[in-house]
């Protein structure tokens, strides 16, 4: 797991502007603090999949975007990951002390959870010896955020890694993620682009690459 400075700046809305010494110092300090506080954990299960349904769990994946994304797959991984409740506690402390540090720490934590998921996805691809599609999380395109509760239930995330979805389908602790990862059929080749932005229909997103 790492925090890429350019990725952190993207989360902050950076578009090539000059960065003064104060902000640069905060980026360094908050990145270091985030890596110190983070406690990454994940839970993964492999399921059979067919035409929008995780068949051996009886879970219908709603939304056309996720179904299109999973074309060419007959199996998927469901994954949930977090970098721990300590991130949330530290963010609360920073919000009282320095809003600038808090904002940068939050961006660093977003980078950290994505980096951790990238590492876990790479590990899974090696383990299964099949090509994996990019992660597709609840909230991407028209894949509803409400699916998070079902994924958390299937993965028993509350017991396994301390992650739960509340009545608004928001994950707790902060910087936790659920996603579906398609396992391409034998002989399939990787597409030209594995960017998560390339598979998302939210073209007006300020974080879009």
N, C-alpha and C. Protein backbone atom coordinates (compact mmCIF):
# COMPACT_ATOMS: atom_id res chain seq x y z
N UNK A 1 0.85 -1.20 0.00
CA UNK A 1 0.00 0.00 0.00
C UNK A 1 0.88 1.24 0.00
N UNK A 2 0.51 2.20 -0.80
CA UNK A 2 1.27 3.44 -0.87
C UNK A 2 0.33 4.60 -1.15
N UNK A 3 0.87 5.80 -0.98
CA UNK A 3 0.11 7.01 -1.31
C UNK A 3 0.87 7.75 -2.40
N UNK A 4 0.31 7.73 -3.58
CA UNK A 4 0.92 8.41 -4.72
C UNK A 4 0.61 9.89 -4.67
N UNK A 5 1.64 10.72 -4.69
CA UNK A 5 1.46 12.17 -4.53
C UNK A 5 0.57 12.76 -5.63
N UNK A 6 0.79 12.33 -6.87
CA UNK A 6 -0.01 12.86 -7.97
C UNK A 6 -1.48 12.45 -7.85
N UNK A 7 -1.71 11.22 -7.38
CA UNK A 7 -3.08 10.76 -7.18
C UNK A 7 -3.74 11.56 -6.04
N UNK A 8 -2.98 11.82 -4.99
CA UNK A 8 -3.50 12.62 -3.88
C UNK A 8 -3.89 14.02 -4.37
N UNK A 9 -3.03 14.61 -5.19
CA UNK A 9 -3.33 15.94 -5.73
C UNK A 9 -4.58 15.91 -6.60
N UNK A 10 -4.79 14.81 -7.31
CA UNK A 10 -6.00 14.69 -8.14
C UNK A 10 -7.24 14.69 -7.26
N UNK A 11 -7.19 13.99 -6.14
CA UNK A 11 -8.31 14.01 -5.20
C UNK A 11 -8.56 15.41 -4.65
N UNK A 12 -7.52 16.21 -4.57
CA UNK A 12 -7.65 17.57 -4.06
C UNK A 12 -8.10 18.55 -5.14
N UNK A 13 -8.29 18.04 -6.37
CA UNK A 13 -8.74 18.90 -7.46
C UNK A 13 -7.63 19.66 -8.13
N UNK A 14 -6.39 19.21 -7.97
CA UNK A 14 -5.23 19.89 -8.56
C UNK A 14 -5.26 19.78 -10.08
N UNK A 15 -5.03 20.88 -10.76
CA UNK A 15 -5.00 20.92 -12.22
C UNK A 15 -3.75 21.63 -12.72
N UNK A 16 -2.63 21.37 -12.05
CA UNK A 16 -1.36 21.93 -12.50
C UNK A 16 -0.99 23.25 -11.85
N UNK A 17 -1.77 23.70 -10.87
CA UNK A 17 -1.45 24.95 -10.20
C UNK A 17 -0.16 24.81 -9.38
N UNK A 18 0.46 25.94 -9.08
CA UNK A 18 1.63 25.94 -8.20
C UNK A 18 1.20 25.50 -6.80
N UNK A 19 2.07 24.76 -6.15
CA UNK A 19 1.82 24.29 -4.78
C UNK A 19 2.80 24.97 -3.85
N UNK A 20 2.28 25.72 -2.90
CA UNK A 20 3.19 26.45 -2.01
C UNK A 20 3.81 25.51 -0.98
N UNK A 21 4.81 26.03 -0.26
CA UNK A 21 5.58 25.22 0.68
C UNK A 21 4.73 24.68 1.82
N UNK A 22 3.72 25.46 2.25
CA UNK A 22 2.87 25.04 3.36
C UNK A 22 2.04 23.81 2.96
N UNK A 23 1.44 23.87 1.77
CA UNK A 23 0.63 22.74 1.30
C UNK A 23 1.51 21.53 1.02
N UNK A 24 2.66 21.76 0.43
CA UNK A 24 3.58 20.67 0.14
C UNK A 24 4.01 19.96 1.42
N UNK A 25 4.29 20.73 2.45
CA UNK A 25 4.67 20.15 3.74
C UNK A 25 3.52 19.36 4.34
N UNK A 26 2.31 19.89 4.23
CA UNK A 26 1.14 19.19 4.75
C UNK A 26 0.92 17.87 4.02
N UNK A 27 1.11 17.87 2.71
CA UNK A 27 0.96 16.65 1.93
C UNK A 27 1.92 15.57 2.43
N UNK A 28 3.17 15.97 2.66
CA UNK A 28 4.16 15.01 3.15
C UNK A 28 3.80 14.49 4.54
N UNK A 29 3.41 15.40 5.43
CA UNK A 29 3.11 15.01 6.81
C UNK A 29 1.85 14.14 6.88
N UNK A 30 0.81 14.54 6.15
CA UNK A 30 -0.44 13.80 6.22
C UNK A 30 -0.34 12.44 5.53
N UNK A 31 0.47 12.35 4.49
CA UNK A 31 0.68 11.05 3.85
C UNK A 31 1.40 10.09 4.80
N UNK A 32 2.40 10.62 5.48
CA UNK A 32 3.14 9.80 6.44
C UNK A 32 2.23 9.38 7.60
N UNK A 33 1.42 10.31 8.09
CA UNK A 33 0.51 10.01 9.19
C UNK A 33 -0.53 8.96 8.78
N UNK A 34 -1.05 9.10 7.59
CA UNK A 34 -2.05 8.15 7.10
C UNK A 34 -1.47 6.73 7.04
N UNK A 35 -0.27 6.61 6.51
CA UNK A 35 0.36 5.29 6.41
C UNK A 35 0.61 4.70 7.80
N UNK A 36 0.88 5.56 8.77
CA UNK A 36 1.11 5.11 10.14
C UNK A 36 -0.18 4.62 10.80
N UNK A 37 -1.28 5.33 10.56
CA UNK A 37 -2.55 5.03 11.22
C UNK A 37 -3.29 3.88 10.54
N UNK A 38 -3.15 3.76 9.24
CA UNK A 38 -3.93 2.79 8.46
C UNK A 38 -3.70 1.35 8.93
N UNK A 39 -4.80 0.61 8.98
CA UNK A 39 -4.74 -0.82 9.34
C UNK A 39 -5.56 -1.58 8.31
N UNK A 40 -4.99 -1.85 7.13
CA UNK A 40 -5.76 -2.44 6.03
C UNK A 40 -6.18 -3.88 6.31
N UNK A 41 -7.44 -4.16 5.97
CA UNK A 41 -8.00 -5.51 6.09
C UNK A 41 -9.00 -5.72 4.96
N UNK A 42 -9.17 -6.96 4.56
CA UNK A 42 -10.13 -7.24 3.49
C UNK A 42 -10.71 -8.63 3.65
N UNK A 43 -11.83 -8.84 2.99
CA UNK A 43 -12.45 -10.17 2.91
C UNK A 43 -12.93 -10.37 1.48
N UNK A 44 -12.70 -11.57 0.95
CA UNK A 44 -13.01 -11.87 -0.45
C UNK A 44 -13.67 -13.24 -0.54
N UNK A 45 -14.66 -13.35 -1.44
CA UNK A 45 -15.24 -14.65 -1.76
C UNK A 45 -15.46 -14.75 -3.27
N UNK A 46 -15.30 -15.95 -3.78
CA UNK A 46 -15.47 -16.22 -5.21
C UNK A 46 -16.83 -16.86 -5.44
N UNK A 47 -17.53 -16.37 -6.46
CA UNK A 47 -18.89 -16.85 -6.74
C UNK A 47 -19.06 -17.15 -8.23
N UNK A 48 -20.02 -18.01 -8.54
CA UNK A 48 -20.44 -18.20 -9.93
C UNK A 48 -21.32 -17.02 -10.33
N UNK A 49 -21.30 -16.70 -11.64
CA UNK A 49 -22.03 -15.53 -12.13
C UNK A 49 -22.63 -15.83 -13.49
N UNK A 50 -23.85 -15.33 -13.71
CA UNK A 50 -24.49 -15.48 -15.01
C UNK A 50 -25.53 -14.39 -15.21
N UNK A 51 -25.35 -13.59 -16.26
CA UNK A 51 -26.36 -12.63 -16.72
C UNK A 51 -26.92 -11.77 -15.58
N UNK A 52 -26.04 -11.14 -14.84
CA UNK A 52 -26.46 -10.21 -13.80
C UNK A 52 -26.78 -10.82 -12.47
N UNK A 53 -26.59 -12.14 -12.34
CA UNK A 53 -26.93 -12.82 -11.09
C UNK A 53 -25.71 -13.56 -10.55
N UNK A 54 -25.38 -13.34 -9.29
CA UNK A 54 -24.39 -14.16 -8.60
C UNK A 54 -25.14 -15.41 -8.16
N UNK A 55 -25.02 -16.45 -8.98
CA UNK A 55 -25.96 -17.56 -8.95
C UNK A 55 -25.92 -18.36 -7.65
N UNK A 56 -24.73 -18.63 -7.11
CA UNK A 56 -24.69 -19.46 -5.92
C UNK A 56 -24.97 -18.67 -4.65
N UNK A 57 -25.29 -17.39 -4.79
CA UNK A 57 -25.71 -16.59 -3.64
C UNK A 57 -27.11 -16.02 -3.85
N UNK A 58 -27.65 -16.17 -5.07
CA UNK A 58 -28.98 -15.65 -5.36
C UNK A 58 -29.06 -14.14 -5.34
N UNK A 59 -27.94 -13.47 -5.65
CA UNK A 59 -27.90 -12.01 -5.60
C UNK A 59 -27.98 -11.42 -7.00
N UNK A 60 -29.03 -10.65 -7.26
CA UNK A 60 -29.19 -9.94 -8.52
C UNK A 60 -28.43 -8.63 -8.46
N UNK A 61 -27.53 -8.41 -9.42
CA UNK A 61 -26.80 -7.15 -9.51
C UNK A 61 -27.59 -6.19 -10.37
N UNK A 62 -28.18 -5.20 -9.75
CA UNK A 62 -29.03 -4.26 -10.47
C UNK A 62 -28.18 -3.24 -11.22
N UNK A 63 -28.69 -2.82 -12.39
CA UNK A 63 -28.01 -1.80 -13.18
C UNK A 63 -27.43 -2.39 -14.45
N UNK A 64 -27.60 -1.66 -15.54
CA UNK A 64 -27.09 -2.13 -16.83
C UNK A 64 -25.57 -2.02 -16.93
N UNK A 65 -24.99 -1.02 -16.26
CA UNK A 65 -23.55 -0.78 -16.39
C UNK A 65 -22.73 -1.94 -15.84
N UNK A 66 -23.11 -2.43 -14.67
CA UNK A 66 -22.34 -3.54 -14.09
C UNK A 66 -22.52 -4.81 -14.91
N UNK A 67 -23.69 -5.01 -15.47
CA UNK A 67 -23.90 -6.20 -16.30
C UNK A 67 -23.07 -6.13 -17.57
N UNK A 68 -23.03 -4.96 -18.20
CA UNK A 68 -22.18 -4.80 -19.39
C UNK A 68 -20.71 -5.02 -19.03
N UNK A 69 -20.32 -4.47 -17.88
CA UNK A 69 -18.92 -4.60 -17.45
C UNK A 69 -18.53 -6.06 -17.25
N UNK A 70 -19.47 -6.87 -16.79
CA UNK A 70 -19.16 -8.27 -16.48
C UNK A 70 -19.40 -9.22 -17.65
N UNK A 71 -19.70 -8.68 -18.83
CA UNK A 71 -19.82 -9.54 -20.01
C UNK A 71 -18.55 -10.37 -20.18
N UNK A 72 -18.72 -11.64 -20.50
CA UNK A 72 -17.56 -12.50 -20.72
C UNK A 72 -17.05 -13.15 -19.45
N UNK A 73 -17.83 -13.08 -18.39
CA UNK A 73 -17.41 -13.71 -17.14
C UNK A 73 -18.43 -14.74 -16.68
N UNK A 74 -17.94 -15.80 -16.05
CA UNK A 74 -18.84 -16.77 -15.44
C UNK A 74 -18.55 -16.93 -13.95
N UNK A 75 -17.58 -16.14 -13.47
CA UNK A 75 -17.27 -16.11 -12.05
C UNK A 75 -16.89 -14.68 -11.66
N UNK A 76 -17.10 -14.35 -10.40
CA UNK A 76 -16.71 -13.04 -9.89
C UNK A 76 -16.15 -13.20 -8.48
N UNK A 77 -15.36 -12.22 -8.08
CA UNK A 77 -15.01 -12.05 -6.68
C UNK A 77 -15.87 -10.92 -6.13
N UNK A 78 -16.37 -11.10 -4.93
CA UNK A 78 -16.88 -9.98 -4.15
C UNK A 78 -15.82 -9.65 -3.12
N UNK A 79 -15.52 -8.37 -2.99
CA UNK A 79 -14.48 -7.95 -2.07
C UNK A 79 -14.95 -6.77 -1.23
N UNK A 80 -14.56 -6.75 0.01
CA UNK A 80 -14.76 -5.60 0.88
C UNK A 80 -13.43 -5.32 1.56
N UNK A 81 -13.09 -4.05 1.69
CA UNK A 81 -11.81 -3.69 2.29
C UNK A 81 -11.95 -2.41 3.08
N UNK A 82 -11.08 -2.25 4.04
CA UNK A 82 -11.05 -1.04 4.86
C UNK A 82 -9.62 -0.75 5.28
N UNK A 83 -9.35 0.49 5.62
CA UNK A 83 -8.04 0.80 6.22
C UNK A 83 -8.21 1.18 7.69
N UNK A 84 -9.36 0.84 8.26
CA UNK A 84 -9.51 0.87 9.69
C UNK A 84 -10.19 2.08 10.29
N UNK A 85 -10.70 1.88 11.50
CA UNK A 85 -11.40 2.94 12.22
C UNK A 85 -10.47 4.03 12.72
N UNK A 86 -9.18 3.74 12.82
CA UNK A 86 -8.23 4.75 13.26
C UNK A 86 -8.16 5.94 12.33
N UNK A 87 -8.41 5.71 11.06
CA UNK A 87 -8.43 6.80 10.07
C UNK A 87 -9.53 7.80 10.42
N UNK A 88 -10.70 7.28 10.78
CA UNK A 88 -11.82 8.14 11.11
C UNK A 88 -11.54 8.95 12.38
N UNK A 89 -10.96 8.31 13.38
CA UNK A 89 -10.64 9.01 14.62
C UNK A 89 -9.61 10.11 14.38
N UNK A 90 -8.62 9.80 13.56
CA UNK A 90 -7.57 10.80 13.27
C UNK A 90 -8.14 11.96 12.48
N UNK A 91 -9.06 11.69 11.58
CA UNK A 91 -9.67 12.75 10.79
C UNK A 91 -10.49 13.68 11.68
N UNK A 92 -11.19 13.12 12.64
CA UNK A 92 -11.94 13.95 13.59
C UNK A 92 -11.01 14.86 14.38
N UNK A 93 -9.88 14.34 14.81
CA UNK A 93 -8.91 15.14 15.55
C UNK A 93 -8.34 16.27 14.69
N UNK A 94 -8.03 15.95 13.45
CA UNK A 94 -7.46 16.95 12.55
C UNK A 94 -8.46 18.04 12.20
N UNK A 95 -9.73 17.70 12.10
CA UNK A 95 -10.75 18.70 11.79
C UNK A 95 -10.82 19.79 12.85
N UNK A 96 -10.50 19.45 14.07
CA UNK A 96 -10.47 20.44 15.15
C UNK A 96 -9.19 21.27 15.10
N UNK A 97 -8.11 20.61 14.75
CA UNK A 97 -6.79 21.24 14.79
C UNK A 97 -6.48 22.05 13.54
N UNK A 98 -6.73 21.49 12.36
CA UNK A 98 -6.38 22.15 11.09
C UNK A 98 -7.25 21.59 9.97
N UNK A 99 -8.12 22.41 9.41
CA UNK A 99 -8.98 21.96 8.33
C UNK A 99 -8.18 21.60 7.09
N UNK A 100 -7.08 22.32 6.87
CA UNK A 100 -6.23 22.02 5.71
C UNK A 100 -5.61 20.64 5.85
N UNK A 101 -5.03 20.37 7.01
CA UNK A 101 -4.45 19.05 7.24
C UNK A 101 -5.52 17.97 7.13
N UNK A 102 -6.71 18.25 7.65
CA UNK A 102 -7.80 17.27 7.60
C UNK A 102 -8.18 16.95 6.16
N UNK A 103 -8.28 17.98 5.34
CA UNK A 103 -8.64 17.79 3.93
C UNK A 103 -7.60 16.95 3.22
N UNK A 104 -6.34 17.24 3.47
CA UNK A 104 -5.26 16.51 2.81
C UNK A 104 -5.15 15.09 3.36
N UNK A 105 -5.37 14.92 4.64
CA UNK A 105 -5.37 13.58 5.24
C UNK A 105 -6.48 12.72 4.64
N UNK A 106 -7.65 13.32 4.44
CA UNK A 106 -8.77 12.60 3.85
C UNK A 106 -8.42 12.13 2.44
N UNK A 107 -7.78 13.01 1.66
CA UNK A 107 -7.37 12.63 0.30
C UNK A 107 -6.31 11.53 0.35
N UNK A 108 -5.40 11.62 1.29
CA UNK A 108 -4.36 10.59 1.44
C UNK A 108 -4.99 9.25 1.77
N UNK A 109 -6.02 9.27 2.62
CA UNK A 109 -6.69 8.03 2.99
C UNK A 109 -7.43 7.43 1.80
N UNK A 110 -8.01 8.27 0.95
CA UNK A 110 -8.66 7.78 -0.27
C UNK A 110 -7.65 7.09 -1.17
N UNK A 111 -6.48 7.68 -1.29
CA UNK A 111 -5.41 7.06 -2.09
C UNK A 111 -4.99 5.73 -1.49
N UNK A 112 -4.90 5.69 -0.17
CA UNK A 112 -4.42 4.49 0.52
C UNK A 112 -5.36 3.31 0.31
N UNK A 113 -6.66 3.52 0.45
CA UNK A 113 -7.60 2.40 0.30
C UNK A 113 -7.61 1.91 -1.15
N UNK A 114 -7.51 2.81 -2.11
CA UNK A 114 -7.47 2.39 -3.51
C UNK A 114 -6.18 1.63 -3.82
N UNK A 115 -5.07 2.09 -3.25
CA UNK A 115 -3.80 1.40 -3.46
C UNK A 115 -3.84 0.00 -2.85
N UNK A 116 -4.42 -0.10 -1.66
CA UNK A 116 -4.54 -1.41 -1.02
C UNK A 116 -5.40 -2.35 -1.85
N UNK A 117 -6.51 -1.84 -2.39
CA UNK A 117 -7.37 -2.66 -3.24
C UNK A 117 -6.66 -3.08 -4.52
N UNK A 118 -5.86 -2.19 -5.08
CA UNK A 118 -5.08 -2.55 -6.27
C UNK A 118 -4.14 -3.72 -5.95
N UNK A 119 -3.51 -3.67 -4.79
CA UNK A 119 -2.61 -4.75 -4.41
C UNK A 119 -3.37 -6.07 -4.21
N UNK A 120 -4.52 -6.00 -3.55
CA UNK A 120 -5.31 -7.21 -3.32
C UNK A 120 -5.81 -7.79 -4.64
N UNK A 121 -6.20 -6.91 -5.58
CA UNK A 121 -6.67 -7.39 -6.88
C UNK A 121 -5.55 -8.09 -7.63
N UNK A 122 -4.35 -7.53 -7.57
CA UNK A 122 -3.20 -8.16 -8.22
C UNK A 122 -2.91 -9.53 -7.62
N UNK A 123 -3.02 -9.63 -6.29
CA UNK A 123 -2.82 -10.92 -5.62
C UNK A 123 -3.85 -11.95 -6.05
N UNK A 124 -5.11 -11.50 -6.15
CA UNK A 124 -6.17 -12.41 -6.56
C UNK A 124 -5.96 -12.90 -7.99
N UNK A 125 -5.49 -12.01 -8.86
CA UNK A 125 -5.26 -12.40 -10.25
C UNK A 125 -4.19 -13.47 -10.34
N UNK A 126 -3.15 -13.33 -9.52
CA UNK A 126 -2.09 -14.35 -9.51
C UNK A 126 -2.61 -15.66 -8.96
N UNK A 127 -3.44 -15.59 -7.92
CA UNK A 127 -3.95 -16.80 -7.29
C UNK A 127 -4.86 -17.60 -8.21
N UNK A 128 -5.72 -16.90 -8.94
CA UNK A 128 -6.70 -17.62 -9.77
C UNK A 128 -6.18 -17.93 -11.17
N UNK A 129 -5.05 -17.31 -11.55
CA UNK A 129 -4.43 -17.55 -12.87
C UNK A 129 -5.39 -17.25 -14.01
N UNK A 130 -6.26 -16.28 -13.80
CA UNK A 130 -7.17 -15.80 -14.84
C UNK A 130 -7.09 -14.28 -14.85
N UNK A 131 -7.47 -13.67 -15.94
CA UNK A 131 -7.47 -12.22 -16.03
C UNK A 131 -8.68 -11.65 -15.29
N UNK A 132 -8.45 -10.64 -14.46
CA UNK A 132 -9.52 -10.00 -13.73
C UNK A 132 -9.88 -8.66 -14.36
N UNK A 133 -11.17 -8.38 -14.41
CA UNK A 133 -11.63 -7.07 -14.85
C UNK A 133 -11.38 -6.05 -13.74
N UNK A 134 -11.37 -4.76 -14.08
CA UNK A 134 -11.25 -3.74 -13.04
C UNK A 134 -12.39 -3.84 -12.03
N UNK A 135 -12.12 -3.45 -10.81
CA UNK A 135 -13.16 -3.45 -9.78
C UNK A 135 -14.34 -2.57 -10.20
N UNK A 136 -15.53 -3.01 -9.83
CA UNK A 136 -16.73 -2.21 -10.08
C UNK A 136 -17.46 -2.08 -8.75
N UNK A 137 -17.46 -0.87 -8.20
CA UNK A 137 -18.03 -0.64 -6.87
C UNK A 137 -19.46 -0.13 -6.94
N UNK A 138 -20.19 -0.35 -5.88
CA UNK A 138 -21.53 0.21 -5.77
C UNK A 138 -21.45 1.73 -5.90
N UNK A 139 -22.32 2.28 -6.74
CA UNK A 139 -22.28 3.71 -7.01
C UNK A 139 -21.64 4.06 -8.34
N UNK A 140 -20.89 3.10 -8.94
CA UNK A 140 -20.36 3.32 -10.28
C UNK A 140 -21.53 3.24 -11.27
N UNK A 141 -21.61 4.20 -12.17
CA UNK A 141 -22.67 4.18 -13.17
C UNK A 141 -24.03 4.04 -12.50
N UNK A 142 -24.83 3.07 -12.98
CA UNK A 142 -26.16 2.87 -12.39
C UNK A 142 -26.21 1.65 -11.46
N UNK A 143 -25.03 1.19 -11.01
CA UNK A 143 -24.96 0.12 -10.03
C UNK A 143 -25.27 0.73 -8.66
N UNK A 144 -26.43 0.44 -8.09
CA UNK A 144 -26.90 1.21 -6.94
C UNK A 144 -26.08 1.00 -5.67
N UNK A 145 -25.98 2.06 -4.89
CA UNK A 145 -25.26 2.00 -3.62
C UNK A 145 -25.94 1.05 -2.64
N UNK A 146 -27.22 0.79 -2.88
CA UNK A 146 -27.97 -0.10 -1.99
C UNK A 146 -27.43 -1.52 -1.99
N UNK A 147 -26.66 -1.88 -3.01
CA UNK A 147 -26.10 -3.23 -3.08
C UNK A 147 -25.06 -3.48 -1.99
N UNK A 148 -24.59 -2.41 -1.37
CA UNK A 148 -23.54 -2.58 -0.36
C UNK A 148 -24.00 -3.46 0.80
N UNK A 149 -25.25 -3.31 1.21
CA UNK A 149 -25.74 -4.12 2.33
C UNK A 149 -25.72 -5.60 1.99
N UNK A 150 -26.12 -5.94 0.78
CA UNK A 150 -26.13 -7.34 0.37
C UNK A 150 -24.72 -7.91 0.31
N UNK A 151 -23.79 -7.12 -0.22
CA UNK A 151 -22.40 -7.57 -0.31
C UNK A 151 -21.82 -7.76 1.08
N UNK A 152 -22.08 -6.80 1.97
CA UNK A 152 -21.58 -6.92 3.34
C UNK A 152 -22.14 -8.15 4.03
N UNK A 153 -23.42 -8.44 3.77
CA UNK A 153 -24.03 -9.62 4.39
C UNK A 153 -23.40 -10.90 3.86
N UNK A 154 -23.20 -10.99 2.55
CA UNK A 154 -22.61 -12.19 1.96
C UNK A 154 -21.19 -12.43 2.46
N UNK A 155 -20.46 -11.34 2.66
CA UNK A 155 -19.06 -11.46 3.08
C UNK A 155 -18.88 -11.45 4.60
N UNK A 156 -20.00 -11.24 5.32
CA UNK A 156 -19.94 -11.19 6.78
C UNK A 156 -18.89 -10.16 7.23
N UNK A 157 -18.95 -8.98 6.63
CA UNK A 157 -17.90 -7.98 6.87
C UNK A 157 -17.89 -7.46 8.30
N UNK A 158 -19.05 -7.41 8.95
CA UNK A 158 -19.09 -6.88 10.31
C UNK A 158 -18.22 -7.72 11.24
N UNK A 159 -18.33 -9.03 11.10
CA UNK A 159 -17.55 -9.94 11.94
C UNK A 159 -16.11 -10.07 11.46
N UNK A 160 -15.93 -10.13 10.14
CA UNK A 160 -14.60 -10.43 9.59
C UNK A 160 -13.65 -9.25 9.63
N UNK A 161 -14.13 -8.05 9.24
CA UNK A 161 -13.22 -6.90 9.19
C UNK A 161 -13.79 -5.64 9.84
N UNK A 162 -14.92 -5.77 10.53
CA UNK A 162 -15.48 -4.63 11.25
C UNK A 162 -16.12 -3.58 10.39
N UNK A 163 -16.60 -3.95 9.19
CA UNK A 163 -17.23 -3.00 8.27
C UNK A 163 -18.73 -3.30 8.20
N UNK A 164 -19.55 -2.26 8.27
CA UNK A 164 -20.99 -2.44 8.13
C UNK A 164 -21.59 -1.31 7.30
N UNK A 165 -22.75 -1.57 6.72
CA UNK A 165 -23.49 -0.57 5.95
C UNK A 165 -24.67 -0.11 6.78
N UNK A 166 -24.83 1.22 6.93
CA UNK A 166 -25.92 1.74 7.75
C UNK A 166 -27.21 1.83 6.93
N UNK A 167 -28.23 2.45 7.51
CA UNK A 167 -29.54 2.53 6.85
C UNK A 167 -29.49 3.38 5.57
N UNK A 168 -28.47 4.22 5.45
CA UNK A 168 -28.29 5.01 4.22
C UNK A 168 -27.33 4.34 3.25
N UNK A 169 -26.97 3.08 3.56
CA UNK A 169 -26.06 2.30 2.72
C UNK A 169 -24.66 2.89 2.66
N UNK A 170 -24.31 3.64 3.70
CA UNK A 170 -22.96 4.18 3.83
C UNK A 170 -22.12 3.23 4.66
N UNK A 171 -20.89 2.98 4.21
CA UNK A 171 -20.03 2.06 4.92
C UNK A 171 -19.34 2.73 6.10
N UNK A 172 -19.21 1.98 7.16
CA UNK A 172 -18.47 2.42 8.33
C UNK A 172 -17.50 1.31 8.72
N UNK A 173 -16.23 1.66 9.03
CA UNK A 173 -15.65 3.01 9.12
C UNK A 173 -15.43 3.65 7.75
N UNK A 174 -15.08 4.93 7.82
CA UNK A 174 -14.75 5.65 6.59
C UNK A 174 -13.61 4.96 5.86
N UNK A 175 -13.52 5.23 4.57
CA UNK A 175 -12.49 4.64 3.71
C UNK A 175 -12.58 3.12 3.69
N UNK A 176 -13.80 2.65 3.56
CA UNK A 176 -14.08 1.24 3.32
C UNK A 176 -14.75 1.14 1.96
N UNK A 177 -14.55 0.02 1.29
CA UNK A 177 -15.04 -0.14 -0.09
C UNK A 177 -15.57 -1.55 -0.28
N UNK A 178 -16.66 -1.67 -1.04
CA UNK A 178 -17.11 -2.97 -1.53
C UNK A 178 -17.05 -2.93 -3.05
N UNK A 179 -16.83 -4.08 -3.66
CA UNK A 179 -16.73 -4.11 -5.12
C UNK A 179 -16.94 -5.52 -5.63
N UNK A 180 -17.28 -5.59 -6.92
CA UNK A 180 -17.34 -6.86 -7.63
C UNK A 180 -16.22 -6.86 -8.67
N UNK A 181 -15.54 -7.99 -8.79
CA UNK A 181 -14.43 -8.13 -9.73
C UNK A 181 -14.72 -9.31 -10.64
N UNK A 182 -14.88 -9.05 -11.92
CA UNK A 182 -15.15 -10.11 -12.87
C UNK A 182 -13.91 -10.94 -13.17
N UNK A 183 -14.09 -12.25 -13.26
CA UNK A 183 -13.01 -13.17 -13.63
C UNK A 183 -13.27 -13.60 -15.07
N UNK A 184 -12.43 -13.15 -15.99
CA UNK A 184 -12.67 -13.44 -17.40
C UNK A 184 -12.58 -14.93 -17.70
N UNK A 185 -13.37 -15.36 -18.66
CA UNK A 185 -13.36 -16.76 -19.05
C UNK A 185 -11.99 -17.17 -19.59
N UNK A 186 -11.73 -18.47 -19.55
CA UNK A 186 -10.46 -19.00 -20.06
C UNK A 186 -10.23 -18.54 -21.49
N UNK A 187 -9.03 -18.08 -21.77
CA UNK A 187 -8.67 -17.67 -23.11
C UNK A 187 -8.98 -16.23 -23.45
N UNK A 188 -9.74 -15.55 -22.60
CA UNK A 188 -10.07 -14.14 -22.86
C UNK A 188 -8.83 -13.28 -22.68
N UNK A 189 -8.79 -12.17 -23.41
CA UNK A 189 -7.65 -11.27 -23.34
C UNK A 189 -8.04 -9.98 -22.63
N UNK A 190 -7.05 -9.36 -22.00
CA UNK A 190 -7.28 -8.12 -21.30
C UNK A 190 -7.62 -7.01 -22.30
N UNK A 191 -8.56 -6.14 -21.92
CA UNK A 191 -8.91 -5.01 -22.77
C UNK A 191 -7.78 -3.98 -22.82
N UNK A 192 -7.97 -2.99 -23.67
CA UNK A 192 -6.91 -2.00 -23.86
C UNK A 192 -6.74 -1.08 -22.67
N UNK A 193 -7.81 -0.87 -21.90
CA UNK A 193 -7.73 0.09 -20.79
C UNK A 193 -8.36 -0.51 -19.54
N UNK A 194 -7.63 -0.45 -18.44
CA UNK A 194 -8.15 -0.98 -17.18
C UNK A 194 -8.51 0.13 -16.21
N UNK A 195 -8.54 1.38 -16.68
CA UNK A 195 -8.86 2.50 -15.81
C UNK A 195 -10.29 2.41 -15.31
N UNK A 196 -10.49 2.64 -14.01
CA UNK A 196 -11.84 2.62 -13.46
C UNK A 196 -12.69 3.73 -14.08
N UNK A 197 -12.07 4.86 -14.41
CA UNK A 197 -12.83 5.96 -15.01
C UNK A 197 -13.38 5.57 -16.39
N UNK A 198 -12.65 4.71 -17.08
CA UNK A 198 -13.07 4.34 -18.43
C UNK A 198 -14.36 3.53 -18.43
N UNK A 199 -14.69 2.90 -17.28
CA UNK A 199 -15.89 2.08 -17.23
C UNK A 199 -17.02 2.78 -16.48
N UNK A 200 -16.81 4.01 -16.08
CA UNK A 200 -17.83 4.74 -15.33
C UNK A 200 -18.52 5.75 -16.24
N UNK A 201 -19.84 5.83 -16.13
CA UNK A 201 -20.61 6.74 -16.99
C UNK A 201 -20.73 8.15 -16.42
N UNK A 202 -20.16 8.40 -15.24
CA UNK A 202 -20.25 9.73 -14.64
C UNK A 202 -19.17 10.64 -15.24
N UNK A 203 -19.45 11.09 -16.44
CA UNK A 203 -18.46 11.87 -17.18
C UNK A 203 -18.24 13.27 -16.61
N UNK A 204 -19.13 13.72 -15.72
CA UNK A 204 -18.98 15.04 -15.12
C UNK A 204 -18.25 14.99 -13.78
N UNK A 205 -17.76 13.82 -13.39
CA UNK A 205 -17.08 13.67 -12.09
C UNK A 205 -15.80 14.49 -12.06
N UNK A 206 -15.59 15.24 -10.98
CA UNK A 206 -14.40 16.11 -10.89
C UNK A 206 -13.13 15.30 -10.70
N UNK A 207 -13.25 14.03 -10.31
CA UNK A 207 -12.07 13.19 -10.10
C UNK A 207 -11.72 12.37 -11.34
N UNK A 208 -12.48 12.56 -12.41
CA UNK A 208 -12.28 11.73 -13.62
C UNK A 208 -10.89 11.99 -14.21
N UNK A 209 -10.23 10.90 -14.60
CA UNK A 209 -8.91 11.03 -15.22
C UNK A 209 -9.07 11.48 -16.67
